[in-house]
Amino acid sequence: MKILTIIPAKTDSTRLPKKNIQKINGKTLVEHSIDYAKQSKYNPEIIVSSESEIVKKIALDNNVSFSKRSNDLCGDTEVVDVYIDLVKNLDKTYDIVFCLQPDNPDRNLSFDECVDYMVQNNYDDLITIDSTYRRSGAMRLFKYNHLLNEYVSKRIGCIQDDVTDIHYKEDLLRAEERLK
């Protein structure tokens, strides 16, 4: 199975400046997501998407690909538009696109558990939810062709993973405590 992992890591967060390059236990949030994907038995191709040269350096230092995000895909852009734009500009095909938002570093489910759950249930689109059943955004998986053709949320499933969604400094500290 060929899996592409996309890590969207813009640096223009309004609530916590440069949120995705904040550090927990000596690693940036971007690096936590890279490490998470690298633990998979599926050996996914990893691409970090950002407008930032700092994030580009982090990606390249961690031996993963980098995609320069255009300014019109920054700000309050719907993150799915970032995923669609990226896959439409690649010359490879995949089976699954696994999207990891860096601001959820304390994931409980493994990468492989999420992929296996999606495949076993034949979902086209899978999102994570928190303990209150709200969409968490920590992880989102798509069948490649469905994302490429913009068929998002057609046959969608959800899987619970109670993660910290980092928006403020207090959230960063809470995630750091959970990762000890």
N, C-alpha and C. Protein backbone atom coordinates (compact mmCIF):
# COMPACT_ATOMS: atom_id res chain seq x y z
N MET A 1 0.85 -1.17 0.00
CA MET A 1 0.00 0.00 0.00
C MET A 1 0.90 1.24 0.00
N LYS A 2 0.63 2.16 -0.91
CA LYS A 2 1.41 3.38 -1.00
C LYS A 2 0.67 4.50 -0.27
N ILE A 3 1.34 5.09 0.72
CA ILE A 3 0.72 6.12 1.54
C ILE A 3 1.53 7.40 1.47
N LEU A 4 0.83 8.49 1.26
CA LEU A 4 1.42 9.82 1.32
C LEU A 4 0.98 10.46 2.62
N THR A 5 1.92 11.02 3.36
CA THR A 5 1.59 11.78 4.56
C THR A 5 1.85 13.25 4.28
N ILE A 6 0.83 14.07 4.56
CA ILE A 6 0.97 15.51 4.41
C ILE A 6 0.89 16.14 5.80
N ILE A 7 1.87 16.97 6.10
CA ILE A 7 1.89 17.71 7.37
C ILE A 7 1.78 19.20 7.02
N PRO A 8 0.59 19.80 7.22
CA PRO A 8 0.43 21.22 6.92
C PRO A 8 0.96 22.05 8.09
N ALA A 9 1.97 22.87 7.84
CA ALA A 9 2.65 23.54 8.95
C ALA A 9 2.90 25.03 8.68
N LYS A 10 1.83 25.77 8.51
CA LYS A 10 2.00 27.21 8.33
C LYS A 10 2.51 27.83 9.64
N THR A 11 3.08 29.01 9.55
CA THR A 11 3.60 29.64 10.77
C THR A 11 2.86 30.91 11.14
N ASP A 12 1.76 31.20 10.47
CA ASP A 12 1.06 32.47 10.74
C ASP A 12 -0.15 32.31 11.66
N SER A 13 -0.04 31.48 12.67
CA SER A 13 -1.13 31.30 13.62
C SER A 13 -1.38 32.59 14.41
N THR A 14 -2.63 32.95 14.58
CA THR A 14 -2.95 34.20 15.28
C THR A 14 -3.03 34.02 16.79
N ARG A 15 -3.48 32.85 17.26
CA ARG A 15 -3.65 32.65 18.70
C ARG A 15 -2.34 32.34 19.41
N LEU A 16 -1.49 31.53 18.79
CA LEU A 16 -0.18 31.19 19.35
C LEU A 16 0.84 31.37 18.23
N PRO A 17 1.52 32.50 18.21
CA PRO A 17 2.45 32.78 17.12
C PRO A 17 3.46 31.65 16.89
N LYS A 18 3.68 31.34 15.63
CA LYS A 18 4.62 30.29 15.22
C LYS A 18 4.35 28.97 15.94
N LYS A 19 3.06 28.66 16.11
CA LYS A 19 2.63 27.49 16.86
C LYS A 19 3.31 26.20 16.41
N ASN A 20 3.37 25.95 15.12
CA ASN A 20 3.86 24.67 14.63
C ASN A 20 5.35 24.45 14.80
N ILE A 21 6.07 25.51 15.19
CA ILE A 21 7.50 25.33 15.46
C ILE A 21 7.81 25.50 16.96
N GLN A 22 6.75 25.56 17.78
CA GLN A 22 6.94 25.54 19.23
C GLN A 22 7.51 24.17 19.60
N LYS A 23 8.23 24.11 20.71
CA LYS A 23 8.87 22.85 21.09
C LYS A 23 8.23 22.22 22.31
N ILE A 24 8.17 20.91 22.28
CA ILE A 24 7.80 20.07 23.42
C ILE A 24 8.87 19.01 23.52
N ASN A 25 9.45 18.88 24.69
CA ASN A 25 10.51 17.89 24.93
C ASN A 25 11.63 17.98 23.89
N GLY A 26 11.99 19.21 23.52
CA GLY A 26 13.11 19.43 22.62
C GLY A 26 12.82 19.27 21.14
N LYS A 27 11.58 18.97 20.77
CA LYS A 27 11.21 18.81 19.36
C LYS A 27 10.09 19.77 19.02
N THR A 28 10.14 20.30 17.79
CA THR A 28 9.04 21.15 17.34
C THR A 28 7.80 20.28 17.12
N LEU A 29 6.64 20.92 17.07
CA LEU A 29 5.41 20.19 16.79
C LEU A 29 5.48 19.51 15.43
N VAL A 30 6.14 20.16 14.47
CA VAL A 30 6.32 19.55 13.14
C VAL A 30 7.12 18.25 13.28
N GLU A 31 8.19 18.28 14.06
CA GLU A 31 9.02 17.07 14.24
C GLU A 31 8.26 15.95 14.93
N HIS A 32 7.38 16.29 15.86
CA HIS A 32 6.56 15.25 16.50
C HIS A 32 5.70 14.53 15.46
N SER A 33 5.14 15.28 14.51
CA SER A 33 4.32 14.66 13.46
C SER A 33 5.18 13.84 12.50
N ILE A 34 6.34 14.35 12.15
CA ILE A 34 7.25 13.59 11.28
C ILE A 34 7.63 12.26 11.94
N ASP A 35 8.00 12.32 13.21
CA ASP A 35 8.38 11.10 13.94
C ASP A 35 7.22 10.11 14.03
N TYR A 36 6.02 10.63 14.24
CA TYR A 36 4.83 9.80 14.32
C TYR A 36 4.65 9.01 13.02
N ALA A 37 4.75 9.70 11.89
CA ALA A 37 4.59 9.03 10.58
C ALA A 37 5.72 8.04 10.30
N LYS A 38 6.92 8.38 10.72
CA LYS A 38 8.07 7.51 10.46
C LYS A 38 8.00 6.19 11.24
N GLN A 39 7.17 6.11 12.25
CA GLN A 39 7.03 4.88 13.03
C GLN A 39 6.16 3.84 12.33
N SER A 40 5.56 4.19 11.23
CA SER A 40 4.63 3.30 10.54
C SER A 40 5.34 2.17 9.80
N LYS A 41 4.73 1.01 9.84
CA LYS A 41 5.23 -0.13 9.05
C LYS A 41 4.99 0.09 7.56
N TYR A 42 4.12 1.04 7.21
CA TYR A 42 3.79 1.30 5.81
C TYR A 42 4.83 2.18 5.10
N ASN A 43 5.79 2.71 5.85
CA ASN A 43 6.85 3.53 5.27
C ASN A 43 6.29 4.61 4.33
N PRO A 44 5.46 5.50 4.87
CA PRO A 44 4.83 6.50 4.01
C PRO A 44 5.83 7.54 3.48
N GLU A 45 5.52 8.10 2.33
CA GLU A 45 6.25 9.27 1.86
C GLU A 45 5.70 10.45 2.64
N ILE A 46 6.57 11.29 3.16
CA ILE A 46 6.15 12.41 4.01
C ILE A 46 6.50 13.72 3.33
N ILE A 47 5.49 14.61 3.24
CA ILE A 47 5.69 15.95 2.70
C ILE A 47 5.17 16.96 3.72
N VAL A 48 6.02 17.93 4.06
CA VAL A 48 5.61 19.03 4.92
C VAL A 48 5.27 20.20 4.01
N SER A 49 4.09 20.80 4.23
CA SER A 49 3.63 21.93 3.42
C SER A 49 3.63 23.19 4.29
N SER A 50 4.34 24.23 3.82
CA SER A 50 4.42 25.47 4.58
C SER A 50 4.88 26.61 3.68
N GLU A 51 4.64 27.83 4.16
CA GLU A 51 5.16 29.03 3.51
C GLU A 51 6.51 29.42 4.12
N SER A 52 6.94 28.73 5.17
CA SER A 52 8.06 29.15 5.99
C SER A 52 9.39 28.47 5.64
N GLU A 53 10.44 29.27 5.57
CA GLU A 53 11.78 28.74 5.36
C GLU A 53 12.27 27.98 6.60
N ILE A 54 11.81 28.39 7.77
CA ILE A 54 12.18 27.68 9.01
C ILE A 54 11.61 26.27 8.98
N VAL A 55 10.34 26.15 8.59
CA VAL A 55 9.71 24.82 8.50
C VAL A 55 10.37 24.00 7.40
N LYS A 56 10.75 24.63 6.31
CA LYS A 56 11.46 23.91 5.24
C LYS A 56 12.74 23.29 5.78
N LYS A 57 13.49 24.05 6.57
CA LYS A 57 14.73 23.53 7.15
C LYS A 57 14.44 22.35 8.08
N ILE A 58 13.39 22.46 8.88
CA ILE A 58 13.02 21.36 9.78
C ILE A 58 12.72 20.11 8.97
N ALA A 59 11.93 20.26 7.91
CA ALA A 59 11.58 19.11 7.06
C ALA A 59 12.83 18.47 6.46
N LEU A 60 13.67 19.29 5.84
CA LEU A 60 14.86 18.75 5.18
C LEU A 60 15.84 18.15 6.18
N ASP A 61 15.96 18.76 7.37
CA ASP A 61 16.83 18.20 8.42
C ASP A 61 16.34 16.85 8.91
N ASN A 62 15.04 16.58 8.73
CA ASN A 62 14.45 15.31 9.15
C ASN A 62 14.25 14.36 7.97
N ASN A 63 14.90 14.68 6.85
CA ASN A 63 14.89 13.82 5.66
C ASN A 63 13.51 13.54 5.10
N VAL A 64 12.67 14.57 5.08
CA VAL A 64 11.36 14.45 4.43
C VAL A 64 11.23 15.57 3.41
N SER A 65 10.30 15.41 2.51
CA SER A 65 10.10 16.39 1.44
C SER A 65 9.41 17.63 1.95
N PHE A 66 9.57 18.70 1.20
CA PHE A 66 8.94 19.98 1.55
C PHE A 66 8.21 20.51 0.32
N SER A 67 7.03 21.08 0.55
CA SER A 67 6.26 21.72 -0.51
C SER A 67 5.98 23.15 -0.09
N LYS A 68 6.44 24.09 -0.91
CA LYS A 68 6.21 25.51 -0.64
C LYS A 68 4.74 25.83 -0.88
N ARG A 69 4.08 26.31 0.16
CA ARG A 69 2.66 26.63 0.07
C ARG A 69 2.50 28.06 -0.44
N SER A 70 1.59 28.24 -1.38
CA SER A 70 1.33 29.59 -1.89
C SER A 70 0.62 30.42 -0.83
N ASN A 71 0.78 31.72 -0.90
CA ASN A 71 0.18 32.62 0.09
C ASN A 71 -1.34 32.53 0.14
N ASP A 72 -1.98 32.19 -1.00
CA ASP A 72 -3.44 32.09 -0.99
C ASP A 72 -3.93 30.85 -0.25
N LEU A 73 -3.01 29.95 0.13
CA LEU A 73 -3.37 28.78 0.94
C LEU A 73 -2.87 28.91 2.37
N CYS A 74 -2.65 30.14 2.81
CA CYS A 74 -2.27 30.41 4.20
C CYS A 74 -3.43 31.15 4.86
N GLY A 75 -3.23 31.64 6.03
CA GLY A 75 -4.31 32.35 6.73
C GLY A 75 -5.39 31.37 7.18
N ASP A 76 -6.63 31.78 7.07
CA ASP A 76 -7.75 30.95 7.52
C ASP A 76 -8.28 30.03 6.43
N THR A 77 -7.43 29.55 5.59
CA THR A 77 -7.80 28.64 4.51
C THR A 77 -8.25 27.30 5.08
N GLU A 78 -9.24 26.70 4.45
CA GLU A 78 -9.65 25.34 4.82
C GLU A 78 -8.50 24.41 4.50
N VAL A 79 -8.06 23.63 5.49
CA VAL A 79 -6.86 22.79 5.33
C VAL A 79 -7.05 21.73 4.24
N VAL A 80 -8.26 21.30 3.99
CA VAL A 80 -8.50 20.32 2.93
C VAL A 80 -8.08 20.90 1.58
N ASP A 81 -8.23 22.20 1.41
CA ASP A 81 -7.79 22.83 0.16
C ASP A 81 -6.28 22.72 -0.01
N VAL A 82 -5.55 22.75 1.09
CA VAL A 82 -4.09 22.56 1.05
C VAL A 82 -3.78 21.14 0.58
N TYR A 83 -4.49 20.16 1.13
CA TYR A 83 -4.27 18.76 0.75
C TYR A 83 -4.58 18.54 -0.73
N ILE A 84 -5.71 19.07 -1.19
CA ILE A 84 -6.11 18.90 -2.59
C ILE A 84 -5.08 19.54 -3.52
N ASP A 85 -4.67 20.76 -3.20
CA ASP A 85 -3.69 21.45 -4.03
C ASP A 85 -2.40 20.66 -4.12
N LEU A 86 -1.96 20.14 -3.01
CA LEU A 86 -0.70 19.40 -3.00
C LEU A 86 -0.79 18.13 -3.86
N VAL A 87 -1.83 17.32 -3.67
CA VAL A 87 -1.91 16.07 -4.45
C VAL A 87 -2.11 16.33 -5.94
N LYS A 88 -2.78 17.41 -6.27
CA LYS A 88 -2.98 17.73 -7.69
C LYS A 88 -1.69 18.16 -8.38
N ASN A 89 -0.70 18.53 -7.60
CA ASN A 89 0.57 18.98 -8.16
C ASN A 89 1.68 17.95 -8.05
N LEU A 90 1.34 16.73 -7.71
CA LEU A 90 2.32 15.65 -7.64
C LEU A 90 2.24 14.80 -8.90
N ASP A 91 3.33 14.16 -9.24
CA ASP A 91 3.31 13.27 -10.40
C ASP A 91 3.33 11.81 -10.00
N LYS A 92 2.99 11.53 -8.76
CA LYS A 92 2.88 10.16 -8.26
C LYS A 92 1.45 9.90 -7.82
N THR A 93 1.10 8.64 -7.71
CA THR A 93 -0.21 8.28 -7.17
C THR A 93 -0.01 7.44 -5.91
N TYR A 94 -1.04 7.41 -5.10
CA TYR A 94 -0.99 6.71 -3.81
C TYR A 94 -2.31 5.98 -3.61
N ASP A 95 -2.36 5.18 -2.56
CA ASP A 95 -3.61 4.54 -2.16
C ASP A 95 -4.33 5.39 -1.12
N ILE A 96 -3.55 5.90 -0.16
CA ILE A 96 -4.11 6.67 0.95
C ILE A 96 -3.28 7.93 1.16
N VAL A 97 -3.97 9.01 1.50
CA VAL A 97 -3.31 10.24 1.92
C VAL A 97 -3.64 10.43 3.40
N PHE A 98 -2.61 10.44 4.23
CA PHE A 98 -2.74 10.54 5.68
C PHE A 98 -2.27 11.94 6.08
N CYS A 99 -3.19 12.76 6.56
CA CYS A 99 -2.88 14.15 6.89
C CYS A 99 -2.75 14.31 8.40
N LEU A 100 -1.63 14.93 8.81
CA LEU A 100 -1.31 15.09 10.23
C LEU A 100 -1.14 16.56 10.56
N GLN A 101 -2.04 17.10 11.36
CA GLN A 101 -1.85 18.48 11.78
C GLN A 101 -0.88 18.50 12.96
N PRO A 102 0.16 19.33 12.89
CA PRO A 102 1.19 19.32 13.93
C PRO A 102 0.71 19.74 15.31
N ASP A 103 -0.40 20.46 15.38
CA ASP A 103 -0.83 20.97 16.69
C ASP A 103 -1.59 19.95 17.52
N ASN A 104 -1.37 18.67 17.24
CA ASN A 104 -1.94 17.57 18.02
C ASN A 104 -0.83 16.54 18.28
N PRO A 105 0.19 16.88 19.08
CA PRO A 105 1.36 16.02 19.20
C PRO A 105 1.19 14.77 20.07
N ASP A 106 0.16 14.75 20.90
CA ASP A 106 0.03 13.65 21.86
C ASP A 106 -1.03 12.63 21.42
N ARG A 107 -0.85 12.14 20.21
CA ARG A 107 -1.79 11.15 19.66
C ARG A 107 -1.69 9.85 20.45
N ASN A 108 -2.83 9.20 20.62
CA ASN A 108 -2.87 7.92 21.31
C ASN A 108 -2.90 6.74 20.34
N LEU A 109 -3.57 6.93 19.22
CA LEU A 109 -3.64 5.88 18.21
C LEU A 109 -2.40 5.92 17.34
N SER A 110 -1.93 4.76 16.94
CA SER A 110 -0.77 4.73 16.05
C SER A 110 -1.22 5.02 14.62
N PHE A 111 -0.27 5.41 13.82
CA PHE A 111 -0.48 5.64 12.39
C PHE A 111 -1.10 4.39 11.77
N ASP A 112 -0.50 3.25 12.06
CA ASP A 112 -0.96 1.99 11.47
C ASP A 112 -2.36 1.60 11.92
N GLU A 113 -2.71 1.89 13.18
CA GLU A 113 -4.07 1.60 13.65
C GLU A 113 -5.10 2.39 12.83
N CYS A 114 -4.78 3.63 12.55
CA CYS A 114 -5.70 4.47 11.76
C CYS A 114 -5.84 3.95 10.33
N VAL A 115 -4.71 3.61 9.71
CA VAL A 115 -4.76 3.09 8.33
C VAL A 115 -5.54 1.78 8.31
N ASP A 116 -5.23 0.88 9.22
CA ASP A 116 -5.91 -0.42 9.26
C ASP A 116 -7.41 -0.26 9.49
N TYR A 117 -7.79 0.65 10.37
CA TYR A 117 -9.20 0.89 10.65
C TYR A 117 -9.91 1.41 9.40
N MET A 118 -9.26 2.31 8.69
CA MET A 118 -9.85 2.85 7.46
C MET A 118 -10.05 1.76 6.42
N VAL A 119 -9.02 0.94 6.24
CA VAL A 119 -9.08 -0.13 5.23
C VAL A 119 -10.13 -1.17 5.62
N GLN A 120 -10.12 -1.60 6.88
CA GLN A 120 -11.07 -2.62 7.33
C GLN A 120 -12.53 -2.18 7.17
N ASN A 121 -12.78 -0.89 7.32
CA ASN A 121 -14.15 -0.37 7.22
C ASN A 121 -14.48 0.22 5.85
N ASN A 122 -13.52 0.13 4.94
CA ASN A 122 -13.69 0.62 3.57
C ASN A 122 -14.17 2.07 3.50
N TYR A 123 -13.60 2.91 4.37
CA TYR A 123 -13.93 4.33 4.34
C TYR A 123 -13.18 5.01 3.21
N ASP A 124 -13.78 6.05 2.68
CA ASP A 124 -13.12 6.90 1.69
C ASP A 124 -12.43 8.07 2.38
N ASP A 125 -12.89 8.39 3.58
CA ASP A 125 -12.46 9.58 4.32
C ASP A 125 -12.62 9.22 5.80
N LEU A 126 -11.59 9.45 6.59
CA LEU A 126 -11.63 9.12 8.02
C LEU A 126 -11.09 10.29 8.81
N ILE A 127 -11.83 10.73 9.83
CA ILE A 127 -11.38 11.82 10.69
C ILE A 127 -11.30 11.34 12.13
N THR A 128 -10.48 12.03 12.91
CA THR A 128 -10.42 11.73 14.33
C THR A 128 -11.40 12.66 15.07
N ILE A 129 -11.95 12.13 16.15
CA ILE A 129 -12.83 12.90 17.03
C ILE A 129 -12.27 12.81 18.43
N ASP A 130 -12.66 13.77 19.28
CA ASP A 130 -12.21 13.75 20.67
C ASP A 130 -13.23 13.03 21.54
N SER A 131 -13.01 13.06 22.86
CA SER A 131 -13.90 12.33 23.78
C SER A 131 -15.30 12.91 23.84
N THR A 132 -15.49 14.12 23.34
CA THR A 132 -16.83 14.72 23.30
C THR A 132 -17.47 14.55 21.92
N TYR A 133 -16.84 13.73 21.08
CA TYR A 133 -17.31 13.41 19.74
C TYR A 133 -17.25 14.59 18.77
N ARG A 134 -16.39 15.55 19.08
CA ARG A 134 -16.15 16.66 18.15
C ARG A 134 -14.95 16.31 17.28
N ARG A 135 -14.99 16.74 16.05
CA ARG A 135 -13.87 16.54 15.13
C ARG A 135 -12.63 17.21 15.72
N SER A 136 -11.54 16.45 15.83
CA SER A 136 -10.34 17.01 16.45
C SER A 136 -9.35 17.55 15.43
N GLY A 137 -9.34 17.05 14.24
CA GLY A 137 -8.39 17.51 13.25
C GLY A 137 -7.00 16.93 13.41
N ALA A 138 -6.80 16.10 14.41
CA ALA A 138 -5.46 15.54 14.64
C ALA A 138 -4.99 14.75 13.43
N MET A 139 -5.89 13.96 12.88
CA MET A 139 -5.55 13.12 11.73
C MET A 139 -6.76 13.07 10.79
N ARG A 140 -6.47 13.04 9.52
CA ARG A 140 -7.52 12.83 8.53
C ARG A 140 -6.93 12.01 7.41
N LEU A 141 -7.61 10.95 7.07
CA LEU A 141 -7.15 10.05 6.02
C LEU A 141 -8.15 10.05 4.87
N PHE A 142 -7.62 10.00 3.67
CA PHE A 142 -8.45 9.97 2.47
C PHE A 142 -7.95 8.86 1.56
N LYS A 143 -8.87 8.24 0.83
CA LYS A 143 -8.42 7.47 -0.31
C LYS A 143 -7.88 8.49 -1.30
N TYR A 144 -6.76 8.19 -1.87
CA TYR A 144 -6.08 9.14 -2.76
C TYR A 144 -7.00 9.67 -3.87
N ASN A 145 -7.66 8.77 -4.58
CA ASN A 145 -8.51 9.19 -5.71
C ASN A 145 -9.68 10.06 -5.27
N HIS A 146 -10.19 9.83 -4.08
CA HIS A 146 -11.30 10.64 -3.60
C HIS A 146 -10.83 12.06 -3.29
N LEU A 147 -9.64 12.18 -2.70
CA LEU A 147 -9.11 13.50 -2.43
C LEU A 147 -8.74 14.21 -3.73
N LEU A 148 -8.09 13.51 -4.63
CA LEU A 148 -7.69 14.08 -5.91
C LEU A 148 -8.88 14.63 -6.68
N ASN A 149 -10.00 13.92 -6.61
CA ASN A 149 -11.22 14.33 -7.32
C ASN A 149 -12.14 15.20 -6.46
N GLU A 150 -11.64 15.58 -5.30
CA GLU A 150 -12.36 16.46 -4.37
C GLU A 150 -13.67 15.85 -3.86
N TYR A 151 -13.68 14.52 -3.71
CA TYR A 151 -14.84 13.83 -3.16
C TYR A 151 -14.67 13.69 -1.65
N VAL A 152 -14.50 14.77 -0.96
CA VAL A 152 -14.29 14.68 0.48
C VAL A 152 -15.63 14.54 1.20
N SER A 153 -15.60 13.80 2.27
CA SER A 153 -16.77 13.57 3.13
C SER A 153 -17.90 12.82 2.43
N LYS A 154 -17.57 11.93 1.52
CA LYS A 154 -18.60 11.12 0.85
C LYS A 154 -18.95 9.90 1.70
N ARG A 155 -18.01 9.00 1.88
CA ARG A 155 -18.19 7.82 2.75
C ARG A 155 -17.20 8.00 3.89
N ILE A 156 -17.64 8.76 4.90
CA ILE A 156 -16.74 9.19 5.96
C ILE A 156 -16.96 8.39 7.24
N GLY A 157 -15.88 8.10 7.91
CA GLY A 157 -15.93 7.45 9.20
C GLY A 157 -15.18 8.30 10.20
N CYS A 158 -15.30 7.92 11.47
CA CYS A 158 -14.54 8.64 12.49
C CYS A 158 -13.94 7.63 13.47
N ILE A 159 -12.86 8.03 14.11
CA ILE A 159 -12.17 7.21 15.08
C ILE A 159 -11.75 8.13 16.22
N GLN A 160 -11.95 7.67 17.46
CA GLN A 160 -11.68 8.54 18.60
C GLN A 160 -10.22 8.50 19.01
N ASP A 161 -9.65 9.68 19.20
CA ASP A 161 -8.30 9.85 19.73
C ASP A 161 -8.31 11.16 20.50
N ASP A 162 -8.31 11.08 21.81
CA ASP A 162 -8.43 12.26 22.65
C ASP A 162 -7.07 12.95 22.77
N VAL A 163 -6.83 13.89 21.88
CA VAL A 163 -5.54 14.59 21.82
C VAL A 163 -5.71 16.04 22.28
N THR A 164 -4.60 16.67 22.56
CA THR A 164 -4.62 18.09 22.88
C THR A 164 -4.57 18.87 21.58
N ASP A 165 -5.52 19.76 21.41
CA ASP A 165 -5.55 20.62 20.23
C ASP A 165 -4.91 21.94 20.63
N ILE A 166 -3.72 22.20 20.16
CA ILE A 166 -2.96 23.36 20.63
C ILE A 166 -3.37 24.62 19.88
N HIS A 167 -3.87 25.58 20.68
CA HIS A 167 -4.21 26.90 20.17
C HIS A 167 -3.53 28.00 20.99
N TYR A 168 -3.26 27.71 22.26
CA TYR A 168 -2.68 28.68 23.17
C TYR A 168 -1.51 28.06 23.93
N LYS A 169 -0.76 28.91 24.61
CA LYS A 169 0.41 28.46 25.37
C LYS A 169 0.01 27.40 26.41
N GLU A 170 -1.15 27.56 27.04
CA GLU A 170 -1.61 26.59 28.05
C GLU A 170 -1.80 25.20 27.42
N ASP A 171 -2.30 25.17 26.19
CA ASP A 171 -2.48 23.89 25.47
C ASP A 171 -1.13 23.24 25.21
N LEU A 172 -0.15 24.04 24.85
CA LEU A 172 1.20 23.54 24.61
C LEU A 172 1.76 22.90 25.87
N LEU A 173 1.56 23.55 27.01
CA LEU A 173 2.04 23.01 28.29
C LEU A 173 1.31 21.73 28.67
N ARG A 174 -0.01 21.67 28.39
CA ARG A 174 -0.79 20.47 28.69
C ARG A 174 -0.31 19.28 27.85
N ALA A 175 -0.04 19.52 26.59
CA ALA A 175 0.47 18.45 25.72
C ALA A 175 1.85 18.00 26.17
N GLU A 176 2.67 18.96 26.57
CA GLU A 176 4.01 18.63 27.05
C GLU A 176 3.92 17.71 28.27
N GLU A 177 3.00 18.01 29.17
CA GLU A 177 2.81 17.19 30.38
C GLU A 177 2.34 15.77 29.99
N ARG A 178 1.45 15.67 29.03
CA ARG A 178 0.94 14.36 28.61
C ARG A 178 2.02 13.52 27.92
N LEU A 179 2.98 14.17 27.30
CA LEU A 179 4.03 13.46 26.57
C LEU A 179 5.21 13.04 27.45
N LYS A 180 5.16 13.39 28.72
CA LYS A 180 6.26 13.01 29.63
C LYS A 180 6.23 11.53 29.93
